[in-house]
Amino acid sequence: MFAAAMAALLVTSVLALVRAVFGPTVYDRILAVNMFGTKTVLLIAVIGFLVHRPDFLDLALVYTLLNFIGIIAVLKFTEFGDLAAVSDEDEKA
């Protein structure tokens, strides 16, 4: 059963990478990279369960946080062209 779950995760990861390469817009590519990161976290968790290593879940959580912060940084960079830019709404406040 877990082998089937790993196979399904690998197939969807490959599909996410294909979408990341051939996505029509930048946002589709960013979404595909985010989905690939999520599938990687699930794969780490399943592998940790199969080898009876619960500390893999800690690694998966760290990777989740890095994936989230990285995606937010990339989205901000694509919108403003700079990571330290302030939006117009923030300037008015």
PDB file of N, CA and C in Angstrom:
ATOM      1  N   MET A   1       0.819  -1.190   0.000  1.00  0.00           N
ATOM      2  CA  MET A   1       0.000   0.000   0.000  1.00  0.00           C
ATOM      3  C   MET A   1       0.869   1.263   0.000  1.00  0.00           C
ATOM      4  N   PHE A   2       1.920   1.248   0.811  1.00  0.00           N
ATOM      5  CA  PHE A   2       2.785   2.425   0.850  1.00  0.00           C
ATOM      6  C   PHE A   2       3.618   2.552  -0.422  1.00  0.00           C
ATOM      7  N   ALA A   3       3.907   1.415  -1.043  1.00  0.00           N
ATOM      8  CA  ALA A   3       4.618   1.470  -2.322  1.00  0.00           C
ATOM      9  C   ALA A   3       3.741   2.142  -3.379  1.00  0.00           C
ATOM     10  N   ALA A   4       2.459   1.860  -3.342  1.00  0.00           N
ATOM     11  CA  ALA A   4       1.538   2.504  -4.289  1.00  0.00           C
ATOM     12  C   ALA A   4       1.447   4.001  -4.004  1.00  0.00           C
ATOM     13  N   ALA A   5       1.459   4.368  -2.722  1.00  0.00           N
ATOM     14  CA  ALA A   5       1.426   5.791  -2.377  1.00  0.00           C
ATOM     15  C   ALA A   5       2.685   6.489  -2.857  1.00  0.00           C
ATOM     16  N   MET A   6       3.828   5.836  -2.700  1.00  0.00           N
ATOM     17  CA  MET A   6       5.079   6.434  -3.177  1.00  0.00           C
ATOM     18  C   MET A   6       5.085   6.561  -4.697  1.00  0.00           C
ATOM     19  N   ALA A   7       4.568   5.555  -5.382  1.00  0.00           N
ATOM     20  CA  ALA A   7       4.505   5.610  -6.840  1.00  0.00           C
ATOM     21  C   ALA A   7       3.586   6.740  -7.297  1.00  0.00           C
ATOM     22  N   ALA A   8       2.459   6.898  -6.633  1.00  0.00           N
ATOM     23  CA  ALA A   8       1.536   7.981  -6.984  1.00  0.00           C
ATOM     24  C   ALA A   8       2.181   9.343  -6.723  1.00  0.00           C
ATOM     25  N   LEU A   9       2.912   9.469  -5.629  1.00  0.00           N
ATOM     26  CA  LEU A   9       3.601  10.728  -5.339  1.00  0.00           C
ATOM     27  C   LEU A   9       4.666  11.028  -6.380  1.00  0.00           C
ATOM     28  N   LEU A  10       5.392  10.012  -6.810  1.00  0.00           N
ATOM     29  CA  LEU A  10       6.414  10.225  -7.836  1.00  0.00           C
ATOM     30  C   LEU A  10       5.793  10.624  -9.176  1.00  0.00           C
ATOM     31  N   VAL A  11       4.674  10.015  -9.527  1.00  0.00           N
ATOM     32  CA  VAL A  11       4.003  10.365 -10.790  1.00  0.00           C
ATOM     33  C   VAL A  11       3.506  11.807 -10.741  1.00  0.00           C
ATOM     34  N   THR A  12       2.881  12.189  -9.643  1.00  0.00           N
ATOM     35  CA  THR A  12       2.390  13.568  -9.555  1.00  0.00           C
ATOM     36  C   THR A  12       3.538  14.569  -9.449  1.00  0.00           C
ATOM     37  N   SER A  13       4.664  14.151  -8.895  1.00  0.00           N
ATOM     38  CA  SER A  13       5.831  15.036  -8.856  1.00  0.00           C
ATOM     39  C   SER A  13       6.372  15.273 -10.260  1.00  0.00           C
ATOM     40  N   VAL A  14       6.406  14.223 -11.061  1.00  0.00           N
ATOM     41  CA  VAL A  14       6.857  14.374 -12.449  1.00  0.00           C
ATOM     42  C   VAL A  14       5.898  15.287 -13.215  1.00  0.00           C
ATOM     43  N   LEU A  15       4.600  15.117 -13.000  1.00  0.00           N
ATOM     44  CA  LEU A  15       3.627  15.989 -13.664  1.00  0.00           C
ATOM     45  C   LEU A  15       3.792  17.447 -13.220  1.00  0.00           C
ATOM     46  N   ALA A  16       4.105  17.652 -11.955  1.00  0.00           N
ATOM     47  CA  ALA A  16       4.337  19.014 -11.461  1.00  0.00           C
ATOM     48  C   ALA A  16       5.585  19.615 -12.100  1.00  0.00           C
ATOM     49  N   LEU A  17       6.625  18.818 -12.263  1.00  0.00           N
ATOM     50  CA  LEU A  17       7.843  19.325 -12.913  1.00  0.00           C
ATOM     51  C   LEU A  17       7.601  19.662 -14.386  1.00  0.00           C
ATOM     52  N   VAL A  18       6.787  18.836 -15.040  1.00  0.00           N
ATOM     53  CA  VAL A  18       6.435  19.136 -16.439  1.00  0.00           C
ATOM     54  C   VAL A  18       5.681  20.454 -16.505  1.00  0.00           C
ATOM     55  N   ARG A  19       4.765  20.658 -15.578  1.00  0.00           N
ATOM     56  CA  ARG A  19       4.007  21.912 -15.539  1.00  0.00           C
ATOM     57  C   ARG A  19       4.925  23.092 -15.231  1.00  0.00           C
ATOM     58  N   ALA A  20       5.922  22.869 -14.389  1.00  0.00           N
ATOM     59  CA  ALA A  20       6.858  23.941 -14.051  1.00  0.00           C
ATOM     60  C   ALA A  20       7.699  24.339 -15.260  1.00  0.00           C
ATOM     61  N   VAL A  21       8.014  23.394 -16.103  1.00  0.00           N
ATOM     62  CA  VAL A  21       8.825  23.702 -17.282  1.00  0.00           C
ATOM     63  C   VAL A  21       7.979  24.316 -18.392  1.00  0.00           C
ATOM     64  N   PHE A  22       6.790  23.775 -18.627  1.00  0.00           N
ATOM     65  CA  PHE A  22       5.971  24.196 -19.759  1.00  0.00           C
ATOM     66  C   PHE A  22       4.768  25.044 -19.383  1.00  0.00           C
ATOM     67  N   GLY A  23       4.734  25.570 -18.160  1.00  0.00           N
ATOM     68  CA  GLY A  23       3.593  26.381 -17.737  1.00  0.00           C
ATOM     69  C   GLY A  23       3.447  27.628 -18.588  1.00  0.00           C
ATOM     70  N   PRO A  24       2.220  28.015 -18.900  1.00  0.00           N
ATOM     71  CA  PRO A  24       2.041  29.175 -19.774  1.00  0.00           C
ATOM     72  C   PRO A  24       2.407  30.499 -19.097  1.00  0.00           C
ATOM     73  N   THR A  25       2.239  30.604 -17.791  1.00  0.00           N
ATOM     74  CA  THR A  25       2.572  31.859 -17.117  1.00  0.00           C
ATOM     75  C   THR A  25       3.545  31.580 -15.973  1.00  0.00           C
ATOM     76  N   VAL A  26       4.111  32.648 -15.465  1.00  0.00           N
ATOM     77  CA  VAL A  26       5.045  32.536 -14.346  1.00  0.00           C
ATOM     78  C   VAL A  26       4.330  31.994 -13.117  1.00  0.00           C
ATOM     79  N   TYR A  27       3.098  32.427 -12.902  1.00  0.00           N
ATOM     80  CA  TYR A  27       2.366  31.991 -11.718  1.00  0.00           C
ATOM     81  C   TYR A  27       2.022  30.502 -11.779  1.00  0.00           C
ATOM     82  N   ASP A  28       1.759  29.984 -12.979  1.00  0.00           N
ATOM     83  CA  ASP A  28       1.544  28.542 -13.116  1.00  0.00           C
ATOM     84  C   ASP A  28       2.812  27.777 -12.765  1.00  0.00           C
ATOM     85  N   ARG A  29       3.945  28.305 -13.170  1.00  0.00           N
ATOM     86  CA  ARG A  29       5.217  27.652 -12.859  1.00  0.00           C
ATOM     87  C   ARG A  29       5.510  27.690 -11.367  1.00  0.00           C
ATOM     88  N   ILE A  30       5.233  28.823 -10.731  1.00  0.00           N
ATOM     89  CA  ILE A  30       5.462  28.937  -9.288  1.00  0.00           C
ATOM     90  C   ILE A  30       4.543  27.980  -8.535  1.00  0.00           C
ATOM     91  N   LEU A  31       3.292  27.880  -8.956  1.00  0.00           N
ATOM     92  CA  LEU A  31       2.356  26.952  -8.337  1.00  0.00           C
ATOM     93  C   LEU A  31       2.820  25.509  -8.504  1.00  0.00           C
ATOM     94  N   ALA A  32       3.371  25.181  -9.670  1.00  0.00           N
ATOM     95  CA  ALA A  32       3.867  23.828  -9.909  1.00  0.00           C
ATOM     96  C   ALA A  32       5.076  23.525  -9.024  1.00  0.00           C
ATOM     97  N   VAL A  33       5.957  24.495  -8.841  1.00  0.00           N
ATOM     98  CA  VAL A  33       7.114  24.291  -7.961  1.00  0.00           C
ATOM     99  C   VAL A  33       6.648  24.115  -6.518  1.00  0.00           C
ATOM    100  N   ASN A  34       5.647  24.874  -6.113  1.00  0.00           N
ATOM    101  CA  ASN A  34       5.096  24.729  -4.770  1.00  0.00           C
ATOM    102  C   ASN A  34       4.466  23.343  -4.597  1.00  0.00           C
ATOM    103  N   MET A  35       3.760  22.886  -5.612  1.00  0.00           N
ATOM    104  CA  MET A  35       3.162  21.564  -5.546  1.00  0.00           C
ATOM    105  C   MET A  35       4.240  20.480  -5.487  1.00  0.00           C
ATOM    106  N   PHE A  36       5.330  20.663  -6.229  1.00  0.00           N
ATOM    107  CA  PHE A  36       6.434  19.709  -6.172  1.00  0.00           C
ATOM    108  C   PHE A  36       7.047  19.667  -4.772  1.00  0.00           C
ATOM    109  N   GLY A  37       7.173  20.825  -4.140  1.00  0.00           N
ATOM    110  CA  GLY A  37       7.693  20.867  -2.770  1.00  0.00           C
ATOM    111  C   GLY A  37       6.780  20.148  -1.798  1.00  0.00           C
ATOM    112  N   THR A  38       5.484  20.305  -1.975  1.00  0.00           N
ATOM    113  CA  THR A  38       4.526  19.617  -1.113  1.00  0.00           C
ATOM    114  C   THR A  38       4.597  18.109  -1.316  1.00  0.00           C
ATOM    115  N   LYS A  39       4.711  17.679  -2.555  1.00  0.00           N
ATOM    116  CA  LYS A  39       4.824  16.239  -2.829  1.00  0.00           C
ATOM    117  C   LYS A  39       6.130  15.689  -2.256  1.00  0.00           C
ATOM    118  N   THR A  40       7.184  16.479  -2.261  1.00  0.00           N
ATOM    119  CA  THR A  40       8.445  16.044  -1.677  1.00  0.00           C
ATOM    120  C   THR A  40       8.311  15.848  -0.174  1.00  0.00           C
ATOM    121  N   VAL A  41       7.595  16.757   0.483  1.00  0.00           N
ATOM    122  CA  VAL A  41       7.356  16.618   1.923  1.00  0.00           C
ATOM    123  C   VAL A  41       6.577  15.334   2.203  1.00  0.00           C
ATOM    124  N   LEU A  42       5.554  15.060   1.418  1.00  0.00           N
ATOM    125  CA  LEU A  42       4.795  13.820   1.606  1.00  0.00           C
ATOM    126  C   LEU A  42       5.656  12.588   1.364  1.00  0.00           C
ATOM    127  N   LEU A  43       6.533  12.659   0.374  1.00  0.00           N
ATOM    128  CA  LEU A  43       7.420  11.540   0.084  1.00  0.00           C
ATOM    129  C   LEU A  43       8.392  11.300   1.236  1.00  0.00           C
ATOM    130  N   ILE A  44       8.926  12.361   1.814  1.00  0.00           N
ATOM    131  CA  ILE A  44       9.817  12.226   2.966  1.00  0.00           C
ATOM    132  C   ILE A  44       9.068  11.586   4.136  1.00  0.00           C
ATOM    133  N   ALA A  45       7.838  11.995   4.353  1.00  0.00           N
ATOM    134  CA  ALA A  45       7.042  11.431   5.448  1.00  0.00           C
ATOM    135  C   ALA A  45       6.760   9.944   5.228  1.00  0.00           C
ATOM    136  N   VAL A  46       6.427   9.553   4.009  1.00  0.00           N
ATOM    137  CA  VAL A  46       6.158   8.144   3.719  1.00  0.00           C
ATOM    138  C   VAL A  46       7.428   7.318   3.863  1.00  0.00           C
ATOM    139  N   ILE A  47       8.545   7.828   3.382  1.00  0.00           N
ATOM    140  CA  ILE A  47       9.812   7.101   3.524  1.00  0.00           C
ATOM    141  C   ILE A  47      10.168   6.946   4.999  1.00  0.00           C
ATOM    142  N   GLY A  48       9.968   7.996   5.778  1.00  0.00           N
ATOM    143  CA  GLY A  48      10.230   7.917   7.208  1.00  0.00           C
ATOM    144  C   GLY A  48       9.367   6.870   7.886  1.00  0.00           C
ATOM    145  N   PHE A  49       8.129   6.750   7.457  1.00  0.00           N
ATOM    146  CA  PHE A  49       7.248   5.727   8.028  1.00  0.00           C
ATOM    147  C   PHE A  49       7.708   4.330   7.636  1.00  0.00           C
ATOM    148  N   LEU A  50       8.132   4.181   6.386  1.00  0.00           N
ATOM    149  CA  LEU A  50       8.538   2.852   5.919  1.00  0.00           C
ATOM    150  C   LEU A  50       9.815   2.361   6.586  1.00  0.00           C
ATOM    151  N   VAL A  51      10.747   3.257   6.879  1.00  0.00           N
ATOM    152  CA  VAL A  51      12.015   2.832   7.486  1.00  0.00           C
ATOM    153  C   VAL A  51      11.995   2.979   9.005  1.00  0.00           C
ATOM    154  N   HIS A  52      10.811   3.286   9.554  1.00  0.00           N
ATOM    155  CA  HIS A  52      10.633   3.416  11.011  1.00  0.00           C
ATOM    156  C   HIS A  52      11.552   4.471  11.611  1.00  0.00           C
ATOM    157  N   ARG A  53      11.611   5.620  10.949  1.00  0.00           N
ATOM    158  CA  ARG A  53      12.404   6.740  11.432  1.00  0.00           C
ATOM    159  C   ARG A  53      11.489   7.955  11.601  1.00  0.00           C
ATOM    160  N   PRO A  54      10.919   8.148  12.789  1.00  0.00           N
ATOM    161  CA  PRO A  54       9.994   9.269  12.984  1.00  0.00           C
ATOM    162  C   PRO A  54      10.669  10.630  12.901  1.00  0.00           C
ATOM    163  N   ASP A  55      11.996  10.671  12.984  1.00  0.00           N
ATOM    164  CA  ASP A  55      12.675  11.960  12.868  1.00  0.00           C
ATOM    165  C   ASP A  55      12.620  12.507  11.442  1.00  0.00           C
ATOM    166  N   PHE A  56      12.239  11.698  10.471  1.00  0.00           N
ATOM    167  CA  PHE A  56      12.038  12.197   9.115  1.00  0.00           C
ATOM    168  C   PHE A  56      10.892  13.211   9.068  1.00  0.00           C
ATOM    169  N   LEU A  57       9.942  13.097   9.982  1.00  0.00           N
ATOM    170  CA  LEU A  57       8.844  14.064  10.022  1.00  0.00           C
ATOM    171  C   LEU A  57       9.361  15.456  10.391  1.00  0.00           C
ATOM    172  N   ASP A  58      10.372  15.506  11.257  1.00  0.00           N
ATOM    173  CA  ASP A  58      10.982  16.792  11.580  1.00  0.00           C
ATOM    174  C   ASP A  58      11.643  17.402  10.339  1.00  0.00           C
ATOM    175  N   LEU A  59      12.318  16.564   9.572  1.00  0.00           N
ATOM    176  CA  LEU A  59      12.931  17.042   8.332  1.00  0.00           C
ATOM    177  C   LEU A  59      11.865  17.526   7.349  1.00  0.00           C
ATOM    178  N   ALA A  60      10.750  16.809   7.298  1.00  0.00           N
ATOM    179  CA  ALA A  60       9.663  17.199   6.404  1.00  0.00           C
ATOM    180  C   ALA A  60       9.084  18.550   6.818  1.00  0.00           C
ATOM    181  N   LEU A  61       8.946  18.789   8.126  1.00  0.00           N
ATOM    182  CA  LEU A  61       8.430  20.081   8.597  1.00  0.00           C
ATOM    183  C   LEU A  61       9.389  21.225   8.274  1.00  0.00           C
ATOM    184  N   VAL A  62      10.670  20.991   8.432  1.00  0.00           N
ATOM    185  CA  VAL A  62      11.661  22.021   8.092  1.00  0.00           C
ATOM    186  C   VAL A  62      11.615  22.315   6.599  1.00  0.00           C
ATOM    187  N   TYR A  63      11.519  21.276   5.792  1.00  0.00           N
ATOM    188  CA  TYR A  63      11.433  21.473   4.350  1.00  0.00           C
ATOM    189  C   TYR A  63      10.148  22.217   3.972  1.00  0.00           C
ATOM    190  N   THR A  64       9.060  21.955   4.680  1.00  0.00           N
ATOM    191  CA  THR A  64       7.807  22.667   4.442  1.00  0.00           C
ATOM    192  C   THR A  64       7.976  24.157   4.691  1.00  0.00           C
ATOM    193  N   LEU A  65       8.610  24.504   5.795  1.00  0.00           N
ATOM    194  CA  LEU A  65       8.830  25.926   6.098  1.00  0.00           C
ATOM    195  C   LEU A  65       9.732  26.587   5.067  1.00  0.00           C
ATOM    196  N   LEU A  66      10.786  25.909   4.659  1.00  0.00           N
ATOM    197  CA  LEU A  66      11.674  26.457   3.634  1.00  0.00           C
ATOM    198  C   LEU A  66      10.943  26.632   2.300  1.00  0.00           C
ATOM    199  N   ASN A  67      10.109  25.669   1.949  1.00  0.00           N
ATOM    200  CA  ASN A  67       9.330  25.751   0.718  1.00  0.00           C
ATOM    201  C   ASN A  67       8.374  26.941   0.767  1.00  0.00           C
ATOM    202  N   PHE A  68       7.694  27.121   1.885  1.00  0.00           N
ATOM    203  CA  PHE A  68       6.747  28.225   2.030  1.00  0.00           C
ATOM    204  C   PHE A  68       7.451  29.575   1.937  1.00  0.00           C
ATOM    205  N   ILE A  69       8.541  29.743   2.667  1.00  0.00           N
ATOM    206  CA  ILE A  69       9.275  31.012   2.653  1.00  0.00           C
ATOM    207  C   ILE A  69       9.849  31.282   1.265  1.00  0.00           C
ATOM    208  N   GLY A  70      10.353  30.240   0.622  1.00  0.00           N
ATOM    209  CA  GLY A  70      10.906  30.409  -0.724  1.00  0.00           C
ATOM    210  C   GLY A  70       9.854  30.826  -1.737  1.00  0.00           C
ATOM    211  N   ILE A  71       8.684  30.227  -1.670  1.00  0.00           N
ATOM    212  CA  ILE A  71       7.609  30.579  -2.611  1.00  0.00           C
ATOM    213  C   ILE A  71       7.138  32.013  -2.378  1.00  0.00           C
ATOM    214  N   ILE A  72       7.022  32.416  -1.115  1.00  0.00           N
ATOM    215  CA  ILE A  72       6.623  33.796  -0.823  1.00  0.00           C
ATOM    216  C   ILE A  72       7.664  34.771  -1.361  1.00  0.00           C
ATOM    217  N   ALA A  73       8.932  34.453  -1.211  1.00  0.00           N
ATOM    218  CA  ALA A  73       9.994  35.321  -1.722  1.00  0.00           C
ATOM    219  C   ALA A  73       9.957  35.415  -3.247  1.00  0.00           C
ATOM    220  N   VAL A  74       9.752  34.291  -3.904  1.00  0.00           N
ATOM    221  CA  VAL A  74       9.690  34.301  -5.369  1.00  0.00           C
ATOM    222  C   VAL A  74       8.477  35.088  -5.855  1.00  0.00           C
ATOM    223  N   LEU A  75       7.325  34.914  -5.196  1.00  0.00           N
ATOM    224  CA  LEU A  75       6.132  35.673  -5.591  1.00  0.00           C
ATOM    225  C   LEU A  75       6.337  37.175  -5.399  1.00  0.00           C
ATOM    226  N   LYS A  76       6.963  37.551  -4.305  1.00  0.00           N
ATOM    227  CA  LYS A  76       7.219  38.972  -4.073  1.00  0.00           C
ATOM    228  C   LYS A  76       8.202  39.518  -5.106  1.00  0.00           C
ATOM    229  N   PHE A  77       9.200  38.722  -5.447  1.00  0.00           N
ATOM    230  CA  PHE A  77      10.176  39.169  -6.443  1.00  0.00           C
ATOM    231  C   PHE A  77       9.543  39.310  -7.818  1.00  0.00           C
ATOM    232  N   THR A  78       8.650  38.373  -8.191  1.00  0.00           N
ATOM    233  CA  THR A  78       8.017  38.479  -9.502  1.00  0.00           C
ATOM    234  C   THR A  78       7.026  39.636  -9.565  1.00  0.00           C
ATOM    235  N   GLU A  79       6.421  39.985  -8.439  1.00  0.00           N
ATOM    236  CA  GLU A  79       5.461  41.091  -8.459  1.00  0.00           C
ATOM    237  C   GLU A  79       6.152  42.446  -8.440  1.00  0.00           C
ATOM    238  N   PHE A  80       7.164  42.606  -7.579  1.00  0.00           N
ATOM    239  CA  PHE A  80       7.785  43.919  -7.400  1.00  0.00           C
ATOM    240  C   PHE A  80       9.146  44.043  -8.078  1.00  0.00           C
ATOM    241  N   GLY A  81       9.793  42.940  -8.391  1.00  0.00           N
ATOM    242  CA  GLY A  81      11.123  43.000  -8.970  1.00  0.00           C
ATOM    243  C   GLY A  81      12.207  43.225  -7.926  1.00  0.00           C
ATOM    244  N   ASP A  82      11.818  43.247  -6.668  1.00  0.00           N
ATOM    245  CA  ASP A  82      12.763  43.467  -5.579  1.00  0.00           C
ATOM    246  C   ASP A  82      12.171  42.826  -4.327  1.00  0.00           C
ATOM    247  N   LEU A  83      13.018  42.202  -3.519  1.00  0.00           N
ATOM    248  CA  LEU A  83      12.520  41.554  -2.308  1.00  0.00           C
ATOM    249  C   LEU A  83      12.260  42.541  -1.184  1.00  0.00           C
ATOM    250  N   ALA A  84      12.848  43.734  -1.257  1.00  0.00           N
ATOM    251  CA  ALA A  84      12.696  44.708  -0.183  1.00  0.00           C
ATOM    252  C   ALA A  84      11.700  45.810  -0.534  1.00  0.00           C
ATOM    253  N   ALA A  85      10.989  45.655  -1.630  1.00  0.00           N
ATOM    254  CA  ALA A  85      10.052  46.686  -2.054  1.00  0.00           C
ATOM    255  C   ALA A  85       8.838  46.731  -1.122  1.00  0.00           C
ATOM    256  N   VAL A  86       8.267  47.909  -1.013  1.00  0.00           N
ATOM    257  CA  VAL A  86       7.071  48.113  -0.211  1.00  0.00           C
ATOM    258  C   VAL A  86       5.925  48.414  -1.176  1.00  0.00           C
ATOM    259  N   SER A  87       4.770  47.783  -0.980  1.00  0.00           N
ATOM    260  CA  SER A  87       3.641  48.011  -1.857  1.00  0.00           C
ATOM    261  C   SER A  87       3.032  49.379  -1.592  1.00  0.00           C
ATOM    262  N   ASP A  88       2.186  49.847  -2.502  1.00  0.00           N
ATOM    263  CA  ASP A  88       1.532  51.150  -2.352  1.00  0.00           C
ATOM    264  C   ASP A  88       0.616  51.188  -1.147  1.00  0.00           C
ATOM    265  N   GLU A  89      -0.063  50.081  -0.854  1.00  0.00           N
ATOM    266  CA  GLU A  89      -0.957  50.025   0.304  1.00  0.00           C
ATOM    267  C   GLU A  89      -0.189  50.155   1.596  1.00  0.00           C
ATOM    268  N   ASP A  90       1.028  49.593   1.666  1.00  0.00           N
ATOM    269  CA  ASP A  90       1.827  49.682   2.877  1.00  0.00           C
ATOM    270  C   ASP A  90       2.356  51.109   3.095  1.00  0.00           C
ATOM    271  N   GLU A  91       2.610  51.827   2.003  1.00  0.00           N
ATOM    272  CA  GLU A  91       3.106  53.202   2.124  1.00  0.00           C
ATOM    273  C   GLU A  91       2.031  54.137   2.684  1.00  0.00           C
ATOM    274  N   LYS A  92       0.763  53.882   2.347  1.00  0.00           N
ATOM    275  CA  LYS A  92      -0.324  54.744   2.803  1.00  0.00           C
ATOM    276  C   LYS A  92      -0.628  54.553   4.278  1.00  0.00           C
ATOM    277  N   ALA A  93      -0.347  53.391   4.809  1.00  0.00           N
ATOM    278  CA  ALA A  93      -0.673  53.096   6.202  1.00  0.00           C
ATOM    279  C   ALA A  93       0.279  53.719   7.187  1.00  0.00           C
TER     280      ALA A  93
END
